[in-house]
């Protein structure tokens, strides 16, 4: 049974920290945005994710309504980082040995944690020493269908 448009909108609002019409879902998780050079699997266990290590790489906290817009009441329901850019620290070395980063990943912790979602980047590219990876305002969206 699929969720309704109403449920999709309420769930997304709950996830990103906006007021939801669902009262009993509890508090929103912290959202941490990361990058991967390999294709994640949807098992929720962070399988097949290769995040950079070293070179000043760290997931970026993107929690709450200071980053995410309220969910659209549309089919499909979605939220975007319409309130702020999501910017990583400047690379102090090539990330993943200069390999292309191909996916954005969203976790509930700054390291390890639970994989909440992922999506392919429109343009795969490496992050090299001195680069600053960033998602411009309104460039990153999460969708429930």
Protein backbone atom coordinates (compact mmCIF):
# COMPACT_ATOMS: atom_id res chain seq x y z
CA UNK A 1 0.00 0.00 0.00
CA UNK A 2 1.53 3.36 -0.95
CA UNK A 3 1.47 6.34 1.37
CA UNK A 4 -0.81 9.23 0.48
CA UNK A 5 0.39 12.65 -0.57
CA UNK A 6 -0.62 13.88 2.91
CA UNK A 7 1.56 11.21 4.58
CA UNK A 8 4.52 11.87 2.28
CA UNK A 9 4.41 15.58 3.10
CA UNK A 10 4.08 14.98 6.85
CA UNK A 11 6.90 12.41 6.88
CA UNK A 12 9.31 14.67 5.00
CA UNK A 13 8.49 17.60 7.28
CA UNK A 14 9.17 15.37 10.30
CA UNK A 15 12.51 14.19 8.89
CA UNK A 16 13.87 17.69 8.24
CA UNK A 17 12.53 19.28 11.42
CA UNK A 18 9.50 21.23 10.23
CA UNK A 19 6.20 21.06 12.07
CA UNK A 20 4.34 17.98 10.97
CA UNK A 21 0.72 17.00 11.25
CA UNK A 22 1.97 13.72 12.73
CA UNK A 23 2.30 14.34 16.44
CA UNK A 24 3.80 11.05 17.62
CA UNK A 25 6.85 10.65 15.38
CA UNK A 26 9.29 12.11 17.86
CA UNK A 27 12.05 14.57 17.16
CA UNK A 28 13.69 14.90 13.78
CA UNK A 29 17.07 13.21 13.32
CA UNK A 30 20.23 15.16 12.75
CA UNK A 31 20.97 15.13 9.04
CA UNK A 32 24.57 14.84 7.84
CA UNK A 33 25.39 15.19 4.15
CA UNK A 34 28.33 13.28 2.72
CA UNK A 35 29.79 12.19 -0.62
CA UNK A 36 30.62 8.77 -2.05
CA UNK A 37 32.66 7.54 -5.01
CA UNK A 38 30.71 4.26 -5.16
CA UNK A 39 27.02 3.44 -5.62
CA UNK A 40 25.25 2.97 -2.26
CA UNK A 41 22.72 0.20 -1.72
CA UNK A 42 19.27 0.86 -0.32
CA UNK A 43 19.55 -1.65 2.53
CA UNK A 44 19.96 1.14 5.12
CA UNK A 45 23.26 -0.29 6.34
CA UNK A 46 25.53 2.08 4.45
CA UNK A 47 26.70 -0.77 2.21
CA UNK A 48 29.02 0.06 -0.66
CA UNK A 49 29.65 3.68 0.33
CA UNK A 50 33.16 5.00 -0.18
CA UNK A 51 33.44 8.38 1.52
CA UNK A 52 36.70 10.30 1.38
CA UNK A 53 38.94 10.02 4.41
CA UNK A 54 41.51 12.63 5.32
CA UNK A 55 42.17 15.81 3.41
CA UNK A 56 39.77 17.74 5.68
CA UNK A 57 36.74 15.71 4.54
CA UNK A 58 33.83 15.65 6.98
CA UNK A 59 30.10 15.25 6.57
CA UNK A 60 28.19 18.53 6.76
CA UNK A 61 25.42 19.02 9.30
CA UNK A 62 22.25 19.96 7.44
CA UNK A 63 19.67 19.70 10.19
CA UNK A 64 16.40 21.56 10.49
CA UNK A 65 14.38 24.25 8.88
CA UNK A 66 17.31 26.66 8.70
CA UNK A 67 18.48 24.46 5.78
CA UNK A 68 15.40 22.68 4.40
CA UNK A 69 12.18 24.17 3.07
CA UNK A 70 8.84 22.78 4.19
CA UNK A 71 7.72 19.81 2.13
CA UNK A 72 5.62 20.46 -0.92
CA UNK A 73 2.07 19.22 -0.71
CA UNK A 74 2.37 17.68 -4.15
CA UNK A 75 2.94 14.31 -5.75
CA UNK A 76 5.73 13.56 -5.30
CA UNK A 77 6.35 15.40 -2.04
CA UNK A 78 9.85 16.84 -1.70
CA UNK A 79 12.02 19.20 0.34
CA UNK A 80 15.02 21.21 -0.88
CA UNK A 81 17.91 22.95 0.84
CA UNK A 82 16.15 26.19 -0.12
CA UNK A 83 17.22 28.05 3.00
CA UNK A 84 20.99 27.49 2.88
CA UNK A 85 23.84 26.13 0.79
CA UNK A 86 25.51 22.94 2.02
CA UNK A 87 29.26 23.51 1.89
CA UNK A 88 32.09 21.14 2.81
CA UNK A 89 35.41 22.35 4.19
CA UNK A 90 38.15 23.09 1.66
CA UNK A 91 40.04 19.94 0.66
CA UNK A 92 43.62 19.86 1.96
CA UNK A 93 44.41 16.81 -0.20
CA UNK A 94 42.72 15.01 -3.07
CA UNK A 95 39.62 13.20 -1.78
CA UNK A 96 39.43 9.47 -2.64
CA UNK A 97 42.75 9.77 -4.51
CA UNK A 98 41.24 12.16 -7.01
CA UNK A 99 38.54 9.70 -8.12
CA UNK A 100 35.16 11.05 -9.16
CA UNK A 101 32.61 11.49 -6.41
CA UNK A 102 29.33 10.21 -7.81
CA UNK A 103 26.75 10.18 -5.00
CA UNK A 104 25.43 12.35 -2.20
CA UNK A 105 24.55 10.43 0.98
CA UNK A 106 22.52 11.51 3.99
CA UNK A 107 23.16 9.98 7.41
CA UNK A 108 21.85 10.56 10.92
CA UNK A 109 25.35 10.96 12.39
CA UNK A 110 28.59 12.78 11.63
CA UNK A 111 30.39 9.43 11.27
CA UNK A 112 29.04 5.92 10.81
CA UNK A 113 25.32 6.15 11.70
CA UNK A 114 22.31 5.11 9.65
CA UNK A 115 22.02 5.82 5.95
CA UNK A 116 18.78 7.75 5.45
CA UNK A 117 18.99 8.37 1.72
CA UNK A 118 21.24 8.84 -1.29
CA UNK A 119 21.17 10.10 -4.86
CA UNK A 120 23.48 10.35 -7.82
CA UNK A 121 25.19 13.63 -8.55
CA UNK A 122 24.21 15.34 -11.79
CA UNK A 123 27.90 15.70 -12.62
CA UNK A 124 30.45 13.29 -11.20
CA UNK A 125 33.74 14.98 -10.38
CA UNK A 126 36.78 14.69 -8.18
CA UNK A 127 37.43 17.01 -5.25
CA UNK A 128 41.08 17.94 -5.46
CA UNK A 129 43.42 19.69 -3.04
CA UNK A 130 42.14 23.27 -2.61
CA UNK A 131 38.61 22.57 -3.94
CA UNK A 132 35.48 23.28 -1.92
CA UNK A 133 32.55 20.96 -2.63
CA UNK A 134 29.15 22.57 -2.20
CA UNK A 135 25.47 22.20 -2.98
CA UNK A 136 24.10 25.63 -3.84
CA UNK A 137 20.85 26.78 -2.23
CA UNK A 138 17.96 24.75 -3.71
CA UNK A 139 20.34 22.30 -5.46
CA UNK A 140 19.71 19.29 -3.20
CA UNK A 141 16.28 17.71 -2.81
CA UNK A 142 14.78 14.74 -1.02
CA UNK A 143 11.66 13.13 -2.45
CA UNK A 144 9.07 10.65 -1.20
CA UNK A 145 6.99 8.93 -3.84
